[in-house]
Amino acid sequence: MGKKGTLPSYEEMLAVAMESLPKRSKDIERFRIPQVVSEAEGNKTVIRNFTEFLKVFRRDAKHFGKYLCKELATPGYQHGNFFVLQRIVQRNVLQKKIEDYVKEFVYCKECGEPDTRLVREGRVYFLVCEACGAKKPVRNL
């Protein structure tokens, strides 16, 4: 610490503060993409945990649903907590498209954190990071 009667230096206070912080664990992920729960009903595919994705990603149902329909080249609609696609889609294909959505519309392009939100300004959507403050335009759907 500093001399008798003086305050500690900035470096000393910083060292004490850094030691008191909790250790970050690398193995525990705080953000996980849920596994898709879907089933075929006739010639349609029903995503049973659609609202779970919306909560985890913190995204609008309209945007996420539009992305799925466009990427899978099929019409679809939200029905309560479910999302219905107008054709049979394999579970692994759905999961891959959802992971692609997260890479493009959830993770920050600067810091890689999932703490983002989509903000529409005029006709353009921006991915705004709440962790680092970055603001990047994303493609329109």
N, C-alpha and C. Protein backbone atom coordinates (compact mmCIF):
# COMPACT_ATOMS: atom_id res chain seq x y z
N MET A 1 0.84 -1.18 0.00
CA MET A 1 0.00 0.00 0.00
C MET A 1 0.88 1.24 0.00
N GLY A 2 0.24 2.38 -0.16
CA GLY A 2 0.96 3.64 -0.23
C GLY A 2 1.66 3.98 1.08
N LYS A 3 2.38 5.08 1.09
CA LYS A 3 3.10 5.51 2.29
C LYS A 3 2.12 5.85 3.39
N LYS A 4 2.61 5.89 4.62
CA LYS A 4 1.76 6.17 5.78
C LYS A 4 1.07 7.52 5.61
N GLY A 5 -0.28 7.51 5.71
CA GLY A 5 -1.04 8.75 5.60
C GLY A 5 -1.42 9.12 4.18
N THR A 6 -1.00 8.33 3.20
CA THR A 6 -1.39 8.64 1.82
C THR A 6 -2.30 7.54 1.30
N LEU A 7 -2.99 7.86 0.26
CA LEU A 7 -3.88 6.88 -0.36
C LEU A 7 -3.07 5.91 -1.21
N PRO A 8 -3.58 4.66 -1.40
CA PRO A 8 -2.88 3.71 -2.26
C PRO A 8 -2.92 4.21 -3.72
N SER A 9 -1.95 3.77 -4.49
CA SER A 9 -1.90 4.17 -5.90
C SER A 9 -3.03 3.49 -6.67
N TYR A 10 -3.24 4.02 -7.87
CA TYR A 10 -4.28 3.45 -8.74
C TYR A 10 -4.00 1.98 -9.02
N GLU A 11 -2.75 1.64 -9.32
CA GLU A 11 -2.38 0.26 -9.63
C GLU A 11 -2.65 -0.67 -8.45
N GLU A 12 -2.36 -0.19 -7.24
CA GLU A 12 -2.60 -1.01 -6.04
C GLU A 12 -4.10 -1.24 -5.84
N MET A 13 -4.89 -0.18 -6.01
CA MET A 13 -6.35 -0.32 -5.86
C MET A 13 -6.92 -1.24 -6.94
N LEU A 14 -6.38 -1.12 -8.16
CA LEU A 14 -6.84 -1.97 -9.25
C LEU A 14 -6.53 -3.44 -8.97
N ALA A 15 -5.34 -3.72 -8.45
CA ALA A 15 -4.95 -5.10 -8.12
C ALA A 15 -5.88 -5.68 -7.06
N VAL A 16 -6.21 -4.91 -6.05
CA VAL A 16 -7.12 -5.37 -5.00
C VAL A 16 -8.51 -5.64 -5.58
N ALA A 17 -8.97 -4.75 -6.44
CA ALA A 17 -10.29 -4.92 -7.06
C ALA A 17 -10.32 -6.16 -7.95
N MET A 18 -9.28 -6.38 -8.73
CA MET A 18 -9.23 -7.54 -9.63
C MET A 18 -9.22 -8.84 -8.84
N GLU A 19 -8.54 -8.87 -7.71
CA GLU A 19 -8.50 -10.08 -6.88
C GLU A 19 -9.86 -10.39 -6.26
N SER A 20 -10.65 -9.35 -6.01
CA SER A 20 -11.94 -9.57 -5.36
C SER A 20 -13.03 -9.99 -6.34
N LEU A 21 -12.78 -9.88 -7.65
CA LEU A 21 -13.77 -10.31 -8.64
C LEU A 21 -13.90 -11.82 -8.64
N PRO A 22 -15.11 -12.35 -8.89
CA PRO A 22 -15.25 -13.80 -8.98
C PRO A 22 -14.53 -14.33 -10.22
N LYS A 23 -14.01 -15.52 -10.12
CA LYS A 23 -13.31 -16.15 -11.24
C LYS A 23 -14.33 -16.58 -12.28
N ARG A 24 -14.04 -16.31 -13.55
CA ARG A 24 -14.94 -16.70 -14.64
C ARG A 24 -14.64 -18.12 -15.05
N SER A 25 -15.68 -18.89 -15.12
CA SER A 25 -15.55 -20.28 -15.55
C SER A 25 -15.70 -20.36 -17.06
N LYS A 26 -14.80 -21.07 -17.70
CA LYS A 26 -14.84 -21.19 -19.15
C LYS A 26 -15.79 -22.30 -19.60
N ASP A 27 -16.06 -23.30 -18.74
CA ASP A 27 -16.86 -24.44 -19.19
C ASP A 27 -18.36 -24.18 -19.15
N ILE A 28 -18.81 -23.24 -18.38
CA ILE A 28 -20.24 -23.01 -18.26
C ILE A 28 -20.65 -21.90 -19.24
N GLU A 29 -21.47 -22.26 -20.19
CA GLU A 29 -21.97 -21.28 -21.14
C GLU A 29 -23.28 -20.72 -20.60
N ARG A 30 -23.40 -19.42 -20.61
CA ARG A 30 -24.63 -18.81 -20.14
C ARG A 30 -25.65 -18.68 -21.26
N PHE A 31 -25.20 -18.87 -22.50
CA PHE A 31 -26.10 -18.79 -23.64
C PHE A 31 -26.01 -20.09 -24.42
N ARG A 32 -27.11 -20.80 -24.45
CA ARG A 32 -27.17 -22.05 -25.21
C ARG A 32 -28.35 -22.02 -26.15
N ILE A 33 -28.11 -22.50 -27.35
CA ILE A 33 -29.19 -22.60 -28.32
C ILE A 33 -29.98 -23.86 -27.99
N PRO A 34 -31.27 -23.73 -27.69
CA PRO A 34 -32.06 -24.92 -27.38
C PRO A 34 -32.15 -25.87 -28.57
N GLN A 35 -32.31 -27.14 -28.28
CA GLN A 35 -32.54 -28.13 -29.34
C GLN A 35 -33.98 -27.97 -29.83
N VAL A 36 -34.14 -28.01 -31.13
CA VAL A 36 -35.47 -27.84 -31.70
C VAL A 36 -36.35 -29.06 -31.38
N VAL A 37 -37.58 -28.78 -30.98
CA VAL A 37 -38.56 -29.84 -30.75
C VAL A 37 -39.62 -29.67 -31.83
N SER A 38 -39.59 -30.59 -32.80
CA SER A 38 -40.52 -30.48 -33.92
C SER A 38 -41.11 -31.84 -34.23
N GLU A 39 -42.22 -31.80 -34.92
CA GLU A 39 -42.84 -33.05 -35.38
C GLU A 39 -43.64 -32.78 -36.64
N ALA A 40 -43.74 -33.81 -37.43
CA ALA A 40 -44.51 -33.72 -38.67
C ALA A 40 -45.98 -34.01 -38.36
N GLU A 41 -46.83 -33.17 -38.90
CA GLU A 41 -48.27 -33.39 -38.79
C GLU A 41 -48.84 -33.29 -40.20
N GLY A 42 -49.07 -34.44 -40.81
CA GLY A 42 -49.50 -34.46 -42.21
C GLY A 42 -48.35 -34.00 -43.08
N ASN A 43 -48.59 -32.97 -43.87
CA ASN A 43 -47.52 -32.44 -44.72
C ASN A 43 -46.92 -31.15 -44.14
N LYS A 44 -47.09 -30.94 -42.84
CA LYS A 44 -46.58 -29.74 -42.16
C LYS A 44 -45.58 -30.14 -41.08
N THR A 45 -44.74 -29.19 -40.71
CA THR A 45 -43.81 -29.36 -39.60
C THR A 45 -44.17 -28.35 -38.52
N VAL A 46 -44.33 -28.82 -37.30
CA VAL A 46 -44.67 -27.94 -36.19
C VAL A 46 -43.46 -27.84 -35.26
N ILE A 47 -43.00 -26.60 -35.05
CA ILE A 47 -41.91 -26.35 -34.09
C ILE A 47 -42.59 -26.09 -32.75
N ARG A 48 -42.46 -27.04 -31.84
CA ARG A 48 -43.17 -26.98 -30.56
C ARG A 48 -42.58 -25.97 -29.58
N ASN A 49 -41.27 -25.73 -29.65
CA ASN A 49 -40.64 -24.83 -28.68
C ASN A 49 -40.25 -23.49 -29.31
N PHE A 50 -41.08 -22.99 -30.20
CA PHE A 50 -40.81 -21.73 -30.89
C PHE A 50 -40.64 -20.57 -29.91
N THR A 51 -41.53 -20.46 -28.92
CA THR A 51 -41.45 -19.34 -27.97
C THR A 51 -40.21 -19.44 -27.09
N GLU A 52 -39.70 -20.65 -26.87
CA GLU A 52 -38.46 -20.80 -26.10
C GLU A 52 -37.30 -20.12 -26.85
N PHE A 53 -37.26 -20.30 -28.16
CA PHE A 53 -36.22 -19.64 -28.96
C PHE A 53 -36.34 -18.13 -28.85
N LEU A 54 -37.58 -17.62 -28.90
CA LEU A 54 -37.79 -16.18 -28.83
C LEU A 54 -37.29 -15.62 -27.51
N LYS A 55 -37.52 -16.34 -26.42
CA LYS A 55 -37.06 -15.88 -25.10
C LYS A 55 -35.54 -15.92 -24.99
N VAL A 56 -34.93 -17.01 -25.45
CA VAL A 56 -33.48 -17.15 -25.35
C VAL A 56 -32.78 -16.13 -26.24
N PHE A 57 -33.26 -15.95 -27.47
CA PHE A 57 -32.62 -15.03 -28.41
C PHE A 57 -33.01 -13.58 -28.18
N ARG A 58 -34.12 -13.36 -27.45
CA ARG A 58 -34.69 -12.03 -27.24
C ARG A 58 -34.98 -11.36 -28.59
N ARG A 59 -35.73 -12.08 -29.40
CA ARG A 59 -36.08 -11.62 -30.73
C ARG A 59 -37.58 -11.66 -30.94
N ASP A 60 -38.02 -10.89 -31.91
CA ASP A 60 -39.42 -10.79 -32.28
C ASP A 60 -39.85 -12.03 -33.06
N ALA A 61 -41.03 -12.55 -32.78
CA ALA A 61 -41.55 -13.74 -33.46
C ALA A 61 -41.66 -13.51 -34.96
N LYS A 62 -42.03 -12.31 -35.35
CA LYS A 62 -42.20 -12.00 -36.77
C LYS A 62 -40.87 -12.13 -37.51
N HIS A 63 -39.81 -11.59 -36.93
CA HIS A 63 -38.49 -11.60 -37.57
C HIS A 63 -37.95 -13.02 -37.66
N PHE A 64 -38.00 -13.75 -36.55
CA PHE A 64 -37.46 -15.11 -36.51
C PHE A 64 -38.27 -16.03 -37.44
N GLY A 65 -39.59 -15.90 -37.41
CA GLY A 65 -40.45 -16.71 -38.28
C GLY A 65 -40.21 -16.41 -39.75
N LYS A 66 -40.05 -15.13 -40.07
CA LYS A 66 -39.80 -14.74 -41.46
C LYS A 66 -38.47 -15.32 -41.94
N TYR A 67 -37.47 -15.31 -41.06
CA TYR A 67 -36.16 -15.88 -41.42
C TYR A 67 -36.31 -17.37 -41.74
N LEU A 68 -36.99 -18.11 -40.87
CA LEU A 68 -37.16 -19.55 -41.09
C LEU A 68 -37.87 -19.82 -42.42
N CYS A 69 -38.94 -19.08 -42.68
CA CYS A 69 -39.69 -19.28 -43.91
C CYS A 69 -38.84 -18.99 -45.14
N LYS A 70 -38.09 -17.91 -45.08
CA LYS A 70 -37.27 -17.53 -46.22
C LYS A 70 -36.14 -18.53 -46.45
N GLU A 71 -35.46 -18.93 -45.39
CA GLU A 71 -34.33 -19.85 -45.51
C GLU A 71 -34.77 -21.26 -45.92
N LEU A 72 -35.95 -21.67 -45.49
CA LEU A 72 -36.44 -23.01 -45.81
C LEU A 72 -37.34 -23.01 -47.05
N ALA A 73 -37.52 -21.84 -47.64
CA ALA A 73 -38.31 -21.70 -48.86
C ALA A 73 -39.70 -22.34 -48.75
N THR A 74 -40.37 -21.99 -47.65
CA THR A 74 -41.72 -22.52 -47.44
C THR A 74 -42.53 -21.51 -46.64
N PRO A 75 -43.83 -21.43 -46.89
CA PRO A 75 -44.65 -20.55 -46.06
C PRO A 75 -44.79 -21.12 -44.65
N GLY A 76 -45.05 -20.23 -43.70
CA GLY A 76 -45.23 -20.66 -42.32
C GLY A 76 -45.98 -19.59 -41.54
N TYR A 77 -46.42 -19.96 -40.35
CA TYR A 77 -47.15 -19.02 -39.50
C TYR A 77 -47.03 -19.45 -38.05
N GLN A 78 -47.22 -18.46 -37.16
CA GLN A 78 -47.21 -18.76 -35.74
C GLN A 78 -48.63 -19.13 -35.33
N HIS A 79 -48.71 -20.19 -34.54
CA HIS A 79 -50.01 -20.65 -34.04
C HIS A 79 -49.85 -20.85 -32.53
N GLY A 80 -50.22 -19.83 -31.76
CA GLY A 80 -50.03 -19.90 -30.31
C GLY A 80 -48.55 -19.91 -29.98
N ASN A 81 -48.10 -20.93 -29.25
CA ASN A 81 -46.68 -21.07 -28.89
C ASN A 81 -45.88 -21.82 -29.94
N PHE A 82 -46.54 -22.28 -30.98
CA PHE A 82 -45.89 -23.09 -32.00
C PHE A 82 -45.64 -22.28 -33.27
N PHE A 83 -44.79 -22.83 -34.13
CA PHE A 83 -44.61 -22.27 -35.47
C PHE A 83 -44.81 -23.40 -36.45
N VAL A 84 -45.67 -23.17 -37.44
CA VAL A 84 -46.04 -24.20 -38.39
C VAL A 84 -45.43 -23.88 -39.75
N LEU A 85 -44.66 -24.83 -40.27
CA LEU A 85 -44.10 -24.72 -41.62
C LEU A 85 -44.94 -25.59 -42.55
N GLN A 86 -45.20 -25.12 -43.75
CA GLN A 86 -46.12 -25.78 -44.66
C GLN A 86 -45.53 -26.95 -45.44
N ARG A 87 -44.44 -27.51 -44.96
CA ARG A 87 -43.88 -28.72 -45.56
C ARG A 87 -43.09 -29.47 -44.49
N ILE A 88 -42.72 -30.69 -44.81
CA ILE A 88 -41.92 -31.50 -43.88
C ILE A 88 -40.47 -31.02 -43.94
N VAL A 89 -39.91 -30.71 -42.78
CA VAL A 89 -38.51 -30.29 -42.68
C VAL A 89 -37.85 -31.15 -41.61
N GLN A 90 -36.72 -31.73 -41.96
CA GLN A 90 -35.99 -32.58 -41.02
C GLN A 90 -35.51 -31.75 -39.82
N ARG A 91 -35.49 -32.38 -38.66
CA ARG A 91 -35.09 -31.71 -37.43
C ARG A 91 -33.66 -31.16 -37.52
N ASN A 92 -32.74 -31.93 -38.11
CA ASN A 92 -31.35 -31.46 -38.19
C ASN A 92 -31.22 -30.25 -39.12
N VAL A 93 -32.04 -30.17 -40.16
CA VAL A 93 -32.03 -29.01 -41.05
C VAL A 93 -32.55 -27.78 -40.31
N LEU A 94 -33.62 -27.96 -39.55
CA LEU A 94 -34.16 -26.87 -38.73
C LEU A 94 -33.12 -26.36 -37.74
N GLN A 95 -32.46 -27.29 -37.05
CA GLN A 95 -31.46 -26.91 -36.05
C GLN A 95 -30.33 -26.11 -36.69
N LYS A 96 -29.89 -26.53 -37.88
CA LYS A 96 -28.81 -25.83 -38.59
C LYS A 96 -29.24 -24.42 -38.96
N LYS A 97 -30.46 -24.26 -39.45
CA LYS A 97 -30.96 -22.94 -39.82
C LYS A 97 -31.08 -22.03 -38.59
N ILE A 98 -31.48 -22.60 -37.46
CA ILE A 98 -31.59 -21.81 -36.23
C ILE A 98 -30.20 -21.38 -35.76
N GLU A 99 -29.22 -22.25 -35.87
CA GLU A 99 -27.84 -21.90 -35.51
C GLU A 99 -27.31 -20.81 -36.44
N ASP A 100 -27.66 -20.88 -37.72
CA ASP A 100 -27.25 -19.84 -38.68
C ASP A 100 -27.89 -18.50 -38.32
N TYR A 101 -29.14 -18.54 -37.87
CA TYR A 101 -29.83 -17.31 -37.44
C TYR A 101 -29.08 -16.66 -36.28
N VAL A 102 -28.68 -17.48 -35.33
CA VAL A 102 -27.97 -16.96 -34.15
C VAL A 102 -26.65 -16.31 -34.58
N LYS A 103 -25.92 -16.96 -35.47
CA LYS A 103 -24.65 -16.38 -35.94
C LYS A 103 -24.86 -15.04 -36.62
N GLU A 104 -25.93 -14.93 -37.40
CA GLU A 104 -26.15 -13.72 -38.17
C GLU A 104 -26.88 -12.62 -37.40
N PHE A 105 -27.86 -12.99 -36.56
CA PHE A 105 -28.73 -11.99 -35.96
C PHE A 105 -28.68 -11.91 -34.43
N VAL A 106 -27.85 -12.72 -33.77
CA VAL A 106 -27.80 -12.66 -32.31
C VAL A 106 -26.40 -12.32 -31.82
N TYR A 107 -25.38 -13.04 -32.26
CA TYR A 107 -24.02 -12.78 -31.79
C TYR A 107 -23.48 -11.47 -32.35
N CYS A 108 -22.81 -10.70 -31.48
CA CYS A 108 -22.18 -9.44 -31.89
C CYS A 108 -21.00 -9.74 -32.81
N LYS A 109 -20.89 -8.97 -33.88
CA LYS A 109 -19.80 -9.17 -34.84
C LYS A 109 -18.46 -8.68 -34.29
N GLU A 110 -18.49 -7.81 -33.28
CA GLU A 110 -17.26 -7.26 -32.70
C GLU A 110 -16.72 -8.10 -31.56
N CYS A 111 -17.56 -8.33 -30.54
CA CYS A 111 -17.06 -9.01 -29.33
C CYS A 111 -17.52 -10.46 -29.22
N GLY A 112 -18.49 -10.88 -30.05
CA GLY A 112 -18.94 -12.26 -30.04
C GLY A 112 -19.94 -12.61 -28.95
N GLU A 113 -20.39 -11.63 -28.18
CA GLU A 113 -21.35 -11.88 -27.11
C GLU A 113 -22.78 -11.93 -27.67
N PRO A 114 -23.66 -12.67 -27.00
CA PRO A 114 -25.05 -12.77 -27.47
C PRO A 114 -25.96 -11.66 -26.92
N ASP A 115 -25.39 -10.70 -26.20
CA ASP A 115 -26.17 -9.65 -25.56
C ASP A 115 -26.48 -8.53 -26.55
N THR A 116 -27.33 -8.84 -27.52
CA THR A 116 -27.64 -7.89 -28.57
C THR A 116 -29.15 -7.72 -28.70
N ARG A 117 -29.51 -6.69 -29.43
CA ARG A 117 -30.92 -6.50 -29.78
C ARG A 117 -30.98 -5.97 -31.20
N LEU A 118 -32.07 -6.23 -31.87
CA LEU A 118 -32.30 -5.72 -33.23
C LEU A 118 -33.08 -4.43 -33.12
N VAL A 119 -32.56 -3.40 -33.77
CA VAL A 119 -33.21 -2.09 -33.77
C VAL A 119 -33.46 -1.71 -35.21
N ARG A 120 -34.67 -1.31 -35.49
CA ARG A 120 -35.02 -0.90 -36.85
C ARG A 120 -34.98 0.62 -36.93
N GLU A 121 -34.19 1.12 -37.86
CA GLU A 121 -34.12 2.55 -38.11
C GLU A 121 -34.47 2.77 -39.57
N GLY A 122 -35.66 3.28 -39.80
CA GLY A 122 -36.14 3.43 -41.17
C GLY A 122 -36.40 2.05 -41.75
N ARG A 123 -35.71 1.73 -42.83
CA ARG A 123 -35.89 0.43 -43.47
C ARG A 123 -34.75 -0.53 -43.15
N VAL A 124 -33.83 -0.11 -42.30
CA VAL A 124 -32.63 -0.91 -42.02
C VAL A 124 -32.66 -1.43 -40.58
N TYR A 125 -32.32 -2.72 -40.41
CA TYR A 125 -32.16 -3.30 -39.08
C TYR A 125 -30.70 -3.21 -38.68
N PHE A 126 -30.46 -2.86 -37.41
CA PHE A 126 -29.13 -2.82 -36.86
C PHE A 126 -29.04 -3.80 -35.69
N LEU A 127 -27.89 -4.46 -35.59
CA LEU A 127 -27.60 -5.33 -34.45
C LEU A 127 -26.82 -4.47 -33.46
N VAL A 128 -27.44 -4.17 -32.32
CA VAL A 128 -26.83 -3.30 -31.32
C VAL A 128 -26.39 -4.17 -30.14
N CYS A 129 -25.10 -4.12 -29.83
CA CYS A 129 -24.55 -4.93 -28.75
C CYS A 129 -24.65 -4.17 -27.43
N GLU A 130 -25.22 -4.82 -26.43
CA GLU A 130 -25.33 -4.22 -25.11
C GLU A 130 -24.07 -4.45 -24.28
N ALA A 131 -23.17 -5.31 -24.76
CA ALA A 131 -21.93 -5.59 -24.04
C ALA A 131 -20.83 -4.60 -24.43
N CYS A 132 -20.64 -4.39 -25.74
CA CYS A 132 -19.53 -3.53 -26.17
C CYS A 132 -19.99 -2.24 -26.84
N GLY A 133 -21.27 -2.13 -27.15
CA GLY A 133 -21.80 -0.91 -27.75
C GLY A 133 -21.73 -0.86 -29.27
N ALA A 134 -21.27 -1.91 -29.90
CA ALA A 134 -21.15 -1.93 -31.37
C ALA A 134 -22.53 -1.87 -32.01
N LYS A 135 -22.58 -1.27 -33.19
CA LYS A 135 -23.85 -1.17 -33.93
C LYS A 135 -23.54 -1.47 -35.39
N LYS A 136 -24.07 -2.59 -35.89
CA LYS A 136 -23.79 -3.04 -37.25
C LYS A 136 -25.10 -3.30 -37.98
N PRO A 137 -25.19 -2.91 -39.24
CA PRO A 137 -26.40 -3.23 -40.01
C PRO A 137 -26.44 -4.73 -40.35
N VAL A 138 -27.64 -5.29 -40.40
CA VAL A 138 -27.82 -6.68 -40.80
C VAL A 138 -28.73 -6.70 -42.01
N ARG A 139 -28.71 -7.79 -42.74
CA ARG A 139 -29.52 -7.85 -43.97
C ARG A 139 -31.01 -7.85 -43.65
N ASN A 140 -31.75 -7.25 -44.55
CA ASN A 140 -33.21 -7.24 -44.41
C ASN A 140 -33.76 -8.57 -44.87
N LEU A 141 -34.84 -8.98 -44.27
CA LEU A 141 -35.49 -10.23 -44.65
C LEU A 141 -36.69 -9.95 -45.52
